[in-house]
C-alpha atoms as a PDB file:
ATOM      1  CA  UNK A   1      -2.366 -32.719 -10.690  1.00  0.00           C
ATOM      2  CA  UNK A   2      -2.716 -29.410  -8.951  1.00  0.00           C
ATOM      3  CA  UNK A   3       0.041 -27.610  -7.204  1.00  0.00           C
ATOM      4  CA  UNK A   4      -1.909 -28.459  -3.807  1.00  0.00           C
ATOM      5  CA  UNK A   5      -2.123 -31.988  -4.707  1.00  0.00           C
ATOM      6  CA  UNK A   6       1.629 -32.066  -5.746  1.00  0.00           C
ATOM      7  CA  UNK A   7       2.740 -30.411  -2.561  1.00  0.00           C
ATOM      8  CA  UNK A   8       0.799 -32.674  -0.374  1.00  0.00           C
ATOM      9  CA  UNK A   9       2.021 -35.864  -2.083  1.00  0.00           C
ATOM     10  CA  UNK A  10       5.440 -34.429  -1.561  1.00  0.00           C
ATOM     11  CA  UNK A  11       4.843 -34.958   2.311  1.00  0.00           C
ATOM     12  CA  UNK A  12       3.467 -38.496   2.096  1.00  0.00           C
ATOM     13  CA  UNK A  13       6.564 -40.712   1.468  1.00  0.00           C
ATOM     14  CA  UNK A  14       5.979 -41.970   5.118  1.00  0.00           C
ATOM     15  CA  UNK A  15       2.864 -42.393   7.010  1.00  0.00           C
ATOM     16  CA  UNK A  16       1.972 -39.025   8.183  1.00  0.00           C
ATOM     17  CA  UNK A  17      -0.709 -37.878  10.684  1.00  0.00           C
ATOM     18  CA  UNK A  18      -3.140 -35.311   9.547  1.00  0.00           C
ATOM     19  CA  UNK A  19      -1.969 -32.788  12.246  1.00  0.00           C
ATOM     20  CA  UNK A  20       1.632 -32.953  10.966  1.00  0.00           C
ATOM     21  CA  UNK A  21       0.418 -32.340   7.554  1.00  0.00           C
ATOM     22  CA  UNK A  22      -1.405 -29.277   8.714  1.00  0.00           C
ATOM     23  CA  UNK A  23       1.805 -27.987  10.122  1.00  0.00           C
ATOM     24  CA  UNK A  24       3.983 -28.894   7.105  1.00  0.00           C
ATOM     25  CA  UNK A  25       1.708 -27.408   4.527  1.00  0.00           C
ATOM     26  CA  UNK A  26       0.495 -24.403   6.518  1.00  0.00           C
ATOM     27  CA  UNK A  27      -3.066 -25.108   4.976  1.00  0.00           C
ATOM     28  CA  UNK A  28      -6.126 -24.910   7.080  1.00  0.00           C
ATOM     29  CA  UNK A  29      -8.062 -28.176   7.547  1.00  0.00           C
ATOM     30  CA  UNK A  30     -10.968 -26.988   5.528  1.00  0.00           C
ATOM     31  CA  UNK A  31      -8.631 -26.718   2.583  1.00  0.00           C
ATOM     32  CA  UNK A  32      -6.494 -29.843   3.200  1.00  0.00           C
ATOM     33  CA  UNK A  33      -9.316 -32.329   3.708  1.00  0.00           C
ATOM     34  CA  UNK A  34     -10.732 -31.811   0.159  1.00  0.00           C
ATOM     35  CA  UNK A  35      -7.509 -32.280  -1.349  1.00  0.00           C
ATOM     36  CA  UNK A  36      -6.721 -35.341   0.593  1.00  0.00           C
ATOM     37  CA  UNK A  37     -10.447 -36.602  -0.432  1.00  0.00           C
ATOM     38  CA  UNK A  38      -9.634 -36.177  -4.070  1.00  0.00           C
ATOM     39  CA  UNK A  39      -6.225 -37.942  -3.871  1.00  0.00           C
ATOM     40  CA  UNK A  40      -7.877 -40.887  -2.015  1.00  0.00           C
ATOM     41  CA  UNK A  41     -10.609 -41.183  -4.524  1.00  0.00           C
ATOM     42  CA  UNK A  42      -8.066 -41.513  -7.376  1.00  0.00           C
ATOM     43  CA  UNK A  43      -5.995 -44.068  -5.474  1.00  0.00           C
ATOM     44  CA  UNK A  44      -2.888 -41.736  -5.230  1.00  0.00           C
ATOM     45  CA  UNK A  45      -3.011 -41.753  -1.267  1.00  0.00           C
ATOM     46  CA  UNK A  46      -4.031 -44.389   1.328  1.00  0.00           C
ATOM     47  CA  UNK A  47      -5.256 -43.719   4.817  1.00  0.00           C
ATOM     48  CA  UNK A  48      -4.957 -45.133   8.103  1.00  0.00           C
ATOM     49  CA  UNK A  49      -7.019 -45.178  11.427  1.00  0.00           C
ATOM     50  CA  UNK A  50      -7.045 -45.589  14.380  1.00  0.00           C
ATOM     51  CA  UNK A  51      -3.325 -46.482  14.201  1.00  0.00           C
ATOM     52  CA  UNK A  52      -0.620 -46.392  11.317  1.00  0.00           C
ATOM     53  CA  UNK A  53      -0.988 -49.967  10.681  1.00  0.00           C
ATOM     54  CA  UNK A  54      -4.785 -50.268   9.997  1.00  0.00           C
ATOM     55  CA  UNK A  55      -5.611 -49.298   6.389  1.00  0.00           C
ATOM     56  CA  UNK A  56      -9.016 -48.190   5.846  1.00  0.00           C
ATOM     57  CA  UNK A  57     -10.739 -48.317   2.369  1.00  0.00           C
ATOM     58  CA  UNK A  58     -11.836 -44.899   1.154  1.00  0.00           C
ATOM     59  CA  UNK A  59     -15.495 -44.141   1.822  1.00  0.00           C
ATOM     60  CA  UNK A  60     -16.649 -40.506   1.221  1.00  0.00           C
ATOM     61  CA  UNK A  61     -19.389 -40.821   3.719  1.00  0.00           C
ATOM     62  CA  UNK A  62     -17.010 -41.836   6.657  1.00  0.00           C
ATOM     63  CA  UNK A  63     -14.040 -39.878   5.473  1.00  0.00           C
ATOM     64  CA  UNK A  64     -15.410 -36.582   6.791  1.00  0.00           C
ATOM     65  CA  UNK A  65     -15.786 -38.054  10.494  1.00  0.00           C
ATOM     66  CA  UNK A  66     -12.307 -39.661  10.408  1.00  0.00           C
ATOM     67  CA  UNK A  67     -10.105 -37.497   8.175  1.00  0.00           C
ATOM     68  CA  UNK A  68      -8.591 -35.247  10.792  1.00  0.00           C
ATOM     69  CA  UNK A  69      -7.791 -38.307  13.014  1.00  0.00           C
ATOM     70  CA  UNK A  70      -6.075 -40.357  10.321  1.00  0.00           C
ATOM     71  CA  UNK A  71      -2.595 -40.808   9.000  1.00  0.00           C
ATOM     72  CA  UNK A  72      -1.784 -40.660   5.173  1.00  0.00           C
ATOM     73  CA  UNK A  73       0.646 -42.322   2.811  1.00  0.00           C
ATOM     74  CA  UNK A  74       1.156 -41.871  -0.933  1.00  0.00           C
ATOM     75  CA  UNK A  75       0.350 -45.014  -2.721  1.00  0.00           C
ATOM     76  CA  UNK A  76       2.795 -46.542  -5.378  1.00  0.00           C
ATOM     77  CA  UNK A  77       0.647 -44.843  -8.110  1.00  0.00           C
ATOM     78  CA  UNK A  78       0.711 -41.625  -6.294  1.00  0.00           C
ATOM     79  CA  UNK A  79       4.625 -41.796  -5.963  1.00  0.00           C
ATOM     80  CA  UNK A  80       4.691 -42.407  -9.563  1.00  0.00           C
ATOM     81  CA  UNK A  81       2.542 -39.691 -10.642  1.00  0.00           C
ATOM     82  CA  UNK A  82       4.391 -37.239  -8.119  1.00  0.00           C
ATOM     83  CA  UNK A  83       7.816 -38.246  -9.443  1.00  0.00           C
ATOM     84  CA  UNK A  84       7.051 -37.925 -13.007  1.00  0.00           C
ATOM     85  CA  UNK A  85       5.555 -34.396 -13.054  1.00  0.00           C
END
């Protein structure tokens, strides 16, 4: 797990909108979206759109269009990896 992935998981103990992640991490969207995509691919993060109760299955083709409007939450596996580092 990279430092960027670790830092991002640190912010995802609760459902968090993308805009809040931008503020808390201080990373630009162009850097944050690929990290989220990698975490989603590995099942370490879940994402929700159009509201915090509707979970979407990760599909790389639709993620680019929805990524900045979605909210995120670390999965159980993501929390375990984060806490054992």
